Amino acid sequence: MKAAVIESVGRAVVTEVPDPTPGPREVVVEVAACGLCGTDLHILQGEFAPKLPIVPGHEFAGEVVGVGAQVTEVAVGDRVAVDPSLYCYECRYCRTGHNNLCERWAAIGVTTAGGAARYAVAPVANCVRLPEHVRTEDAALVEPLSCAVRGYDVLQSRLGAHVLIYGSGTMGLMMLELAKRTGAASVDVVDLNPARLETARRLGVSASAASADELDRPQGWDVVVDATGNAAAIQDGLDRVAKAGTFLQFGVADYATRVTIDPYRIYNQEITITGSMAVLHSFERAAELFANGVLDPEVFISDRIPLERYPEALEQFAAGVGRKIVVVP
C-alpha cells in the first residue's frame, strides 16, 4: 500500500509499504482522511518518535475493512474515528487514572505506524463508530477535539470567566469553540497571522489582535491558554493572568523552549499554572460533541491534499498557511 514515511530527521517521502495485518483484538481501517498536527512536525525534527522511519498520522478516521479473530465490537463496513493513544495499563499512572502520563506511553502515528496511509491498524477498543450523518472524511477532527476537551477538563472552568487564547490555528479555534460552550463571559484571541484571526472573528470571538496590548483588559484574564508552543507567546501569556487566574500550557513546545516565571507573583496572586497532555477519557465525548455540531468542518478544514503530496502538505503546515490540513489517501 501507499504511505507517507518520515524516513529520517527532516525527510518525509511517500512510498510503498506492506499492507497491515490485524492482531486478534485489532482492526484494519481504510483511511478516509488524516489530519496534520504540530506533533508531526516534531517527529520530522527528530522529537517524540523513539525511532525512525515511521508512518505518521495520529488524527484519522475511516472504514473498517478487516477485523481480528476476537473482534466483536465492530464489523467490516463500520465507519470509525480512531483514538491513537496506546497505554500499558500497568504503571503507576495508568493505575491511578492518568493514562495519558503512562510510563510506556505510545501512540498510533507517533510510535507505531499511523494513518498517513491507505490502511492503518488500531485496537478495537480505540475505535468509535460514527453516526450516519457524520462524514468520514471530516471525522479526523475528532482526535484534536478530544485534546481540547481534555484541556477544558484540566481547566475546570467556572461560568463567567474571561478567556485569552494565544494562537488561532486549529487547536486555538477549538479552544475558542469550547470556551463559548463552557460559559465564558468573553473569549479574546491573539495571533500574528491575519488570516487565522479572521477565522476567529468568523467563529464569534469577543476581540482579536496581534498583541494582547491591543485588548482592553488591564487587570488580566481569568484563563489564559497558550495554543502555540511559542516561547514568546507563552512568556507574554504568563504575564496576562489575572489574580486567582489560571494559565494552561496547551500548545506543544519543543524540548528546548524556556520561559521565566515570577514565583512571588504566583504565590501572592494565587495563580495556577498547569498543562494538558493529549487525550484522557475524552475521545468518546469529543466524538459526541462533533456529531452534535460543536465544530463546522467546512470552517476548520482548509485543505484536503492527496496523500501523494504529503511532504508538500507538511511544508504548507509548517509555514502556517491554512487551518487544519488533512491528507486524503
Protein backbone atom coordinates (compact mmCIF):
# COMPACT_ATOMS: atom_id res chain seq x y z
CA MET A 1 0.00 0.00 0.00
CA LYS A 2 0.99 3.64 -0.36
CA ALA A 3 2.00 5.52 2.79
CA ALA A 4 3.82 8.64 3.93
CA VAL A 5 7.01 7.79 5.79
CA ILE A 6 9.23 10.06 7.85
CA GLU A 7 12.47 8.31 6.95
CA SER A 8 14.94 10.44 8.88
CA VAL A 9 15.16 13.83 10.54
CA GLY A 10 13.91 16.42 8.07
CA ARG A 11 12.95 13.91 5.36
CA ALA A 12 9.42 12.69 4.53
CA VAL A 13 8.55 10.63 1.46
CA VAL A 14 5.59 8.76 0.02
CA THR A 15 6.37 5.15 -0.77
CA GLU A 16 5.03 1.61 -0.82
CA VAL A 17 4.91 -0.32 2.46
CA PRO A 18 3.41 -3.74 3.30
CA ASP A 19 -0.33 -3.94 3.91
CA PRO A 20 -1.08 -4.19 7.65
CA THR A 21 -2.44 -7.34 9.30
CA PRO A 22 -4.67 -7.06 12.40
CA GLY A 23 -3.91 -8.86 15.65
CA PRO A 24 -6.68 -10.75 17.49
CA ARG A 25 -8.15 -7.59 19.05
CA GLU A 26 -7.29 -5.17 16.25
CA VAL A 27 -8.99 -3.84 13.13
CA VAL A 28 -7.73 -2.58 9.79
CA VAL A 29 -9.12 0.83 8.85
CA GLU A 30 -9.19 2.12 5.28
CA VAL A 31 -8.29 5.73 5.97
CA ALA A 32 -10.66 8.39 4.63
CA ALA A 33 -8.68 11.37 5.91
CA CYS A 34 -5.69 12.00 8.16
CA GLY A 35 -5.01 15.36 9.78
CA LEU A 36 -1.63 17.04 10.10
CA CYS A 37 -0.60 18.24 13.54
CA GLY A 38 2.28 20.03 15.23
CA THR A 39 3.32 16.66 16.61
CA ASP A 40 4.08 15.54 13.05
CA LEU A 41 6.50 18.45 12.70
CA HIS A 42 8.16 17.50 15.99
CA ILE A 43 8.61 13.94 14.69
CA LEU A 44 10.09 15.33 11.49
CA GLN A 45 12.52 17.31 13.66
CA GLY A 46 13.58 14.14 15.49
CA GLU A 47 11.48 14.57 18.63
CA PHE A 48 8.81 12.34 20.16
CA ALA A 49 9.13 9.24 17.98
CA PRO A 50 11.53 6.75 19.60
CA LYS A 51 12.83 5.63 16.24
CA LEU A 52 12.60 6.42 12.55
CA PRO A 53 11.37 5.57 9.97
CA ILE A 54 7.71 5.87 10.99
CA VAL A 55 4.39 6.20 9.16
CA PRO A 56 2.94 9.32 10.85
CA GLY A 57 -0.68 10.31 11.31
CA HIS A 58 -2.49 10.16 14.64
CA GLU A 59 -5.63 12.05 13.59
CA PHE A 60 -7.62 9.80 11.29
CA ALA A 61 -10.93 8.17 10.54
CA GLY A 62 -12.09 5.63 8.02
CA GLU A 63 -13.96 2.44 7.28
CA VAL A 64 -13.24 -0.91 8.91
CA VAL A 65 -12.10 -3.34 6.20
CA GLY A 66 -10.62 -6.11 8.33
CA VAL A 67 -11.07 -7.44 11.87
CA GLY A 68 -9.04 -9.70 14.13
CA ALA A 69 -10.29 -13.10 15.24
CA GLN A 70 -11.50 -11.85 18.64
CA VAL A 71 -13.19 -8.63 17.50
CA THR A 72 -16.96 -8.45 18.05
CA GLU A 73 -17.50 -4.75 18.80
CA VAL A 74 -17.25 -3.51 15.21
CA ALA A 75 -17.72 -5.12 11.82
CA VAL A 76 -16.41 -4.67 8.31
CA GLY A 77 -18.17 -1.65 6.82
CA ASP A 78 -18.42 0.32 10.07
CA ARG A 79 -17.09 3.86 9.91
CA VAL A 80 -14.89 4.85 12.85
CA ALA A 81 -12.76 7.59 14.33
CA VAL A 82 -9.62 6.27 15.98
CA ASP A 83 -8.15 7.28 19.34
CA PRO A 84 -4.38 6.93 18.77
CA SER A 85 -3.50 6.55 22.47
CA LEU A 86 -1.75 3.34 23.49
CA TYR A 87 -1.29 2.71 27.21
CA CYS A 88 0.29 -0.09 29.24
CA TYR A 89 -2.49 -0.10 31.91
CA GLU A 90 0.11 -1.43 34.37
CA CYS A 91 2.26 1.50 35.52
CA ARG A 92 1.51 3.75 38.48
CA TYR A 93 -0.02 6.47 36.30
CA CYS A 94 -2.30 4.12 34.42
CA ARG A 95 -3.43 2.53 37.69
CA THR A 96 -4.28 5.95 39.15
CA GLY A 97 -6.27 7.05 36.10
CA HIS A 98 -3.58 9.22 34.49
CA ASN A 99 -3.15 7.03 31.42
CA ASN A 100 -2.00 9.94 29.28
CA LEU A 101 1.08 10.11 31.52
CA CYS A 102 1.77 6.38 31.08
CA GLU A 103 5.41 5.45 31.70
CA ARG A 104 5.27 3.38 28.50
CA TRP A 105 3.18 5.92 26.59
CA ALA A 106 2.83 5.19 22.90
CA ALA A 107 0.53 6.31 20.10
CA ILE A 108 -0.54 5.27 16.64
CA GLY A 109 1.26 7.56 14.21
CA VAL A 110 3.89 8.53 16.77
CA THR A 111 5.50 5.31 17.98
CA THR A 112 3.72 2.83 15.67
CA ALA A 113 2.53 3.12 12.06
CA GLY A 114 -0.26 5.66 11.70
CA GLY A 115 -2.98 6.93 9.42
CA ALA A 116 -0.99 8.74 6.74
CA ALA A 117 -1.51 5.68 4.58
CA ARG A 118 -4.23 3.86 2.72
CA TYR A 119 -4.70 1.44 5.63
CA ALA A 120 -3.95 1.60 9.35
CA VAL A 121 -4.23 -0.86 12.22
CA ALA A 122 -5.81 0.06 15.57
CA PRO A 123 -7.00 -1.76 18.68
CA VAL A 124 -10.76 -2.23 18.52
CA ALA A 125 -11.01 -0.50 21.91
CA ASN A 126 -9.70 2.67 20.28
CA CYS A 127 -12.40 2.81 17.59
CA VAL A 128 -15.54 4.91 18.00
CA ARG A 129 -18.34 4.31 15.50
CA LEU A 130 -19.58 7.36 13.62
CA PRO A 131 -23.28 8.12 13.25
CA GLU A 132 -24.81 8.21 9.79
CA HIS A 133 -24.88 11.99 9.44
CA VAL A 134 -21.14 12.46 10.14
CA ARG A 135 -18.95 12.40 7.05
CA THR A 136 -16.00 10.06 7.50
CA GLU A 137 -13.61 12.47 5.79
CA ASP A 138 -14.47 15.13 8.40
CA ALA A 139 -14.03 12.89 11.43
CA ALA A 140 -10.25 13.29 11.50
CA LEU A 141 -11.17 16.37 13.58
CA VAL A 142 -12.38 14.19 16.47
CA GLU A 143 -8.87 13.46 17.78
CA PRO A 144 -7.72 17.09 18.07
CA LEU A 145 -11.11 17.94 19.55
CA SER A 146 -10.57 15.25 22.18
CA CYS A 147 -7.32 17.00 23.16
CA ALA A 148 -9.23 20.28 23.54
CA VAL A 149 -11.87 18.55 25.66
CA ARG A 150 -9.06 17.25 27.88
CA GLY A 151 -7.78 20.82 28.16
CA TYR A 152 -11.11 22.01 29.47
CA ASP A 153 -11.23 19.08 31.89
CA VAL A 154 -7.97 20.40 33.34
CA LEU A 155 -9.23 23.98 33.47
CA GLN A 156 -12.43 23.12 35.33
CA SER A 157 -13.66 26.50 34.09
CA ARG A 158 -16.23 28.43 36.05
CA LEU A 159 -19.09 30.34 34.46
CA GLY A 160 -18.41 33.94 33.51
CA ALA A 161 -14.64 33.62 33.06
CA HIS A 162 -12.73 35.98 30.78
CA VAL A 163 -10.55 33.87 28.49
CA LEU A 164 -7.50 34.79 26.40
CA ILE A 165 -6.20 32.33 23.80
CA TYR A 166 -2.83 32.62 22.11
CA GLY A 167 -2.99 31.17 18.62
CA SER A 168 -5.91 30.79 16.21
CA GLY A 169 -4.78 27.69 14.39
CA THR A 170 -6.90 24.56 14.65
CA MET A 171 -6.31 23.99 18.35
CA GLY A 172 -6.77 27.61 19.36
CA LEU A 173 -10.03 27.74 17.41
CA MET A 174 -11.23 24.53 19.07
CA MET A 175 -10.45 26.01 22.48
CA LEU A 176 -12.42 29.08 21.40
CA GLU A 177 -15.46 26.98 20.48
CA LEU A 178 -15.33 25.08 23.77
CA ALA A 179 -14.84 28.28 25.78
CA LYS A 180 -18.04 29.66 24.27
CA ARG A 181 -19.86 26.48 25.30
CA THR A 182 -18.50 26.37 28.85
CA GLY A 183 -19.96 29.71 29.84
CA ALA A 184 -17.11 32.15 29.23
CA ALA A 185 -18.08 35.81 29.61
CA SER A 186 -15.61 36.74 26.87
CA VAL A 187 -13.09 34.98 24.66
CA ASP A 188 -10.24 37.01 23.17
CA VAL A 189 -7.67 35.67 20.71
CA VAL A 190 -4.14 36.83 19.91
CA ASP A 191 -2.32 35.75 16.75
CA LEU A 192 0.22 37.22 14.34
CA ASN A 193 -1.47 35.55 11.36
CA PRO A 194 -4.20 37.88 9.98
CA ALA A 195 -5.95 35.11 8.02
CA ARG A 196 -6.27 32.93 11.10
CA LEU A 197 -7.52 35.87 13.18
CA GLU A 198 -10.19 36.41 10.55
CA THR A 199 -11.39 32.85 11.13
CA ALA A 200 -11.56 33.51 14.87
CA ARG A 201 -13.75 36.52 14.16
CA ARG A 202 -15.92 34.39 11.89
CA LEU A 203 -16.46 31.98 14.78
CA GLY A 204 -17.56 34.76 17.11
CA VAL A 205 -14.53 35.78 19.15
CA SER A 206 -15.10 38.69 21.55
CA ALA A 207 -11.97 40.53 20.45
CA SER A 208 -8.87 39.72 18.44
CA ALA A 209 -5.49 41.33 17.92
CA ALA A 210 -1.87 40.76 17.02
CA SER A 211 -0.88 41.62 20.60
CA ALA A 212 -2.63 41.46 23.95
CA ASP A 213 -1.56 45.08 24.44
CA GLU A 214 -4.28 45.99 21.91
CA LEU A 215 -7.00 44.40 24.03
CA ASP A 216 -8.78 46.30 26.78
CA ARG A 217 -8.27 44.17 29.87
CA PRO A 218 -5.57 45.78 32.05
CA GLN A 219 -6.47 43.57 35.02
CA GLY A 220 -5.72 40.45 33.01
CA TRP A 221 -7.75 37.36 32.12
CA ASP A 222 -9.15 34.66 34.39
CA VAL A 223 -7.98 31.96 31.98
CA VAL A 224 -5.04 32.25 29.59
CA VAL A 225 -4.44 29.41 27.14
CA ASP A 226 -1.33 29.03 25.04
CA ALA A 227 -2.15 27.08 21.89
CA THR A 228 1.09 27.93 20.07
CA GLY A 229 4.01 26.32 21.89
CA ASN A 230 5.93 29.50 21.04
CA ALA A 231 8.23 30.83 23.78
CA ALA A 232 7.36 34.50 23.21
CA ALA A 233 3.63 33.79 23.32
CA ILE A 234 3.97 31.68 26.45
CA GLN A 235 6.06 34.32 28.21
CA ASP A 236 3.59 37.05 27.33
CA GLY A 237 0.63 34.91 28.35
CA LEU A 238 2.05 34.20 31.79
CA ASP A 239 2.11 37.94 32.43
CA ARG A 240 -1.55 38.34 31.38
CA VAL A 241 -3.13 36.07 34.00
CA ALA A 242 -5.41 37.90 36.44
CA LYS A 243 -5.29 37.36 40.18
CA ALA A 244 -6.59 33.90 41.10
CA GLY A 245 -6.42 33.03 37.41
CA THR A 246 -5.10 30.01 35.51
CA PHE A 247 -2.55 29.62 32.75
CA LEU A 248 -2.91 26.48 30.62
CA GLN A 249 0.02 25.25 28.56
CA PHE A 250 -1.90 23.56 25.78
CA GLY A 251 0.36 24.10 22.76
CA VAL A 252 3.24 21.68 22.25
CA ALA A 253 6.57 23.45 22.70
CA ASP A 254 9.82 21.89 21.61
CA TYR A 255 12.16 20.44 24.21
CA ALA A 256 14.44 23.48 24.27
CA THR A 257 11.74 26.09 24.97
CA ARG A 258 12.28 28.03 28.20
CA VAL A 259 10.34 30.85 29.87
CA THR A 260 10.69 32.77 33.14
CA ILE A 261 8.13 32.72 35.94
CA ASP A 262 7.71 35.11 38.88
CA PRO A 263 7.36 32.87 41.97
CA TYR A 264 6.32 35.72 44.27
CA ARG A 265 3.52 36.77 41.93
CA ILE A 266 2.32 33.18 41.62
CA TYR A 267 2.22 32.95 45.42
CA ASN A 268 0.86 36.41 46.13
CA GLN A 269 -1.85 36.37 43.46
CA GLU A 270 -2.70 32.66 43.74
CA ILE A 271 -2.03 31.98 40.08
CA THR A 272 -2.31 28.41 38.79
CA ILE A 273 -0.02 27.18 36.02
CA THR A 274 -1.00 23.84 34.55
CA GLY A 275 -0.73 21.71 31.43
CA SER A 276 -2.83 19.39 29.33
CA MET A 277 -1.27 16.37 27.66
CA ALA A 278 -3.05 14.75 24.71
CA VAL A 279 -6.18 12.65 25.33
CA LEU A 280 -7.58 11.32 28.60
CA HIS A 281 -11.10 9.86 28.85
CA SER A 282 -12.16 12.48 26.33
CA PHE A 283 -12.28 10.80 22.91
CA GLU A 284 -15.82 9.46 23.13
CA ARG A 285 -17.11 12.78 24.46
CA ALA A 286 -15.35 14.60 21.62
CA ALA A 287 -16.97 12.25 19.10
CA GLU A 288 -20.38 13.04 20.58
CA LEU A 289 -19.73 16.77 20.57
CA PHE A 290 -18.56 16.55 16.98
CA ALA A 291 -21.66 14.60 15.97
CA ASN A 292 -23.76 17.28 17.66
CA GLY A 293 -22.15 20.04 15.60
CA VAL A 294 -19.76 21.70 18.03
CA LEU A 295 -17.40 22.31 15.08
CA ASP A 296 -18.10 23.22 11.48
CA PRO A 297 -15.73 21.07 9.36
CA GLU A 298 -16.03 23.49 6.46
CA VAL A 299 -14.54 26.22 8.64
CA PHE A 300 -11.90 24.11 10.35
CA ILE A 301 -10.59 22.11 7.40
CA SER A 302 -8.96 24.49 4.95
CA ASP A 303 -7.12 22.00 2.73
CA ARG A 304 -7.71 18.40 1.62
CA ILE A 305 -4.49 17.28 -0.04
CA PRO A 306 -3.82 13.93 -1.74
CA LEU A 307 -1.54 11.60 0.21
CA GLU A 308 0.93 11.67 -2.70
CA ARG A 309 1.65 15.29 -1.76
CA TYR A 310 2.28 14.61 1.94
CA PRO A 311 5.74 16.28 2.04
CA GLU A 312 4.23 19.38 0.40
CA ALA A 313 1.36 19.33 2.92
CA LEU A 314 3.90 19.24 5.77
CA GLU A 315 5.71 22.25 4.30
CA GLN A 316 2.45 24.18 4.00
CA PHE A 317 1.53 23.34 7.57
CA ALA A 318 4.95 24.38 8.86
CA ALA A 319 4.58 27.70 7.03
CA GLY A 320 1.32 28.40 8.88
CA VAL A 321 -0.76 28.53 5.71
CA GLY A 322 -4.37 27.44 6.21
CA ARG A 323 -6.08 25.90 9.19
CA LYS A 324 -6.47 22.13 9.55
CA ILE A 325 -4.81 20.33 6.67
CA VAL A 326 -5.88 16.76 6.02
CA VAL A 327 -4.36 14.30 3.58
CA VAL A 328 -6.63 12.01 1.66
CA PRO A 329 -5.28 8.57 0.61
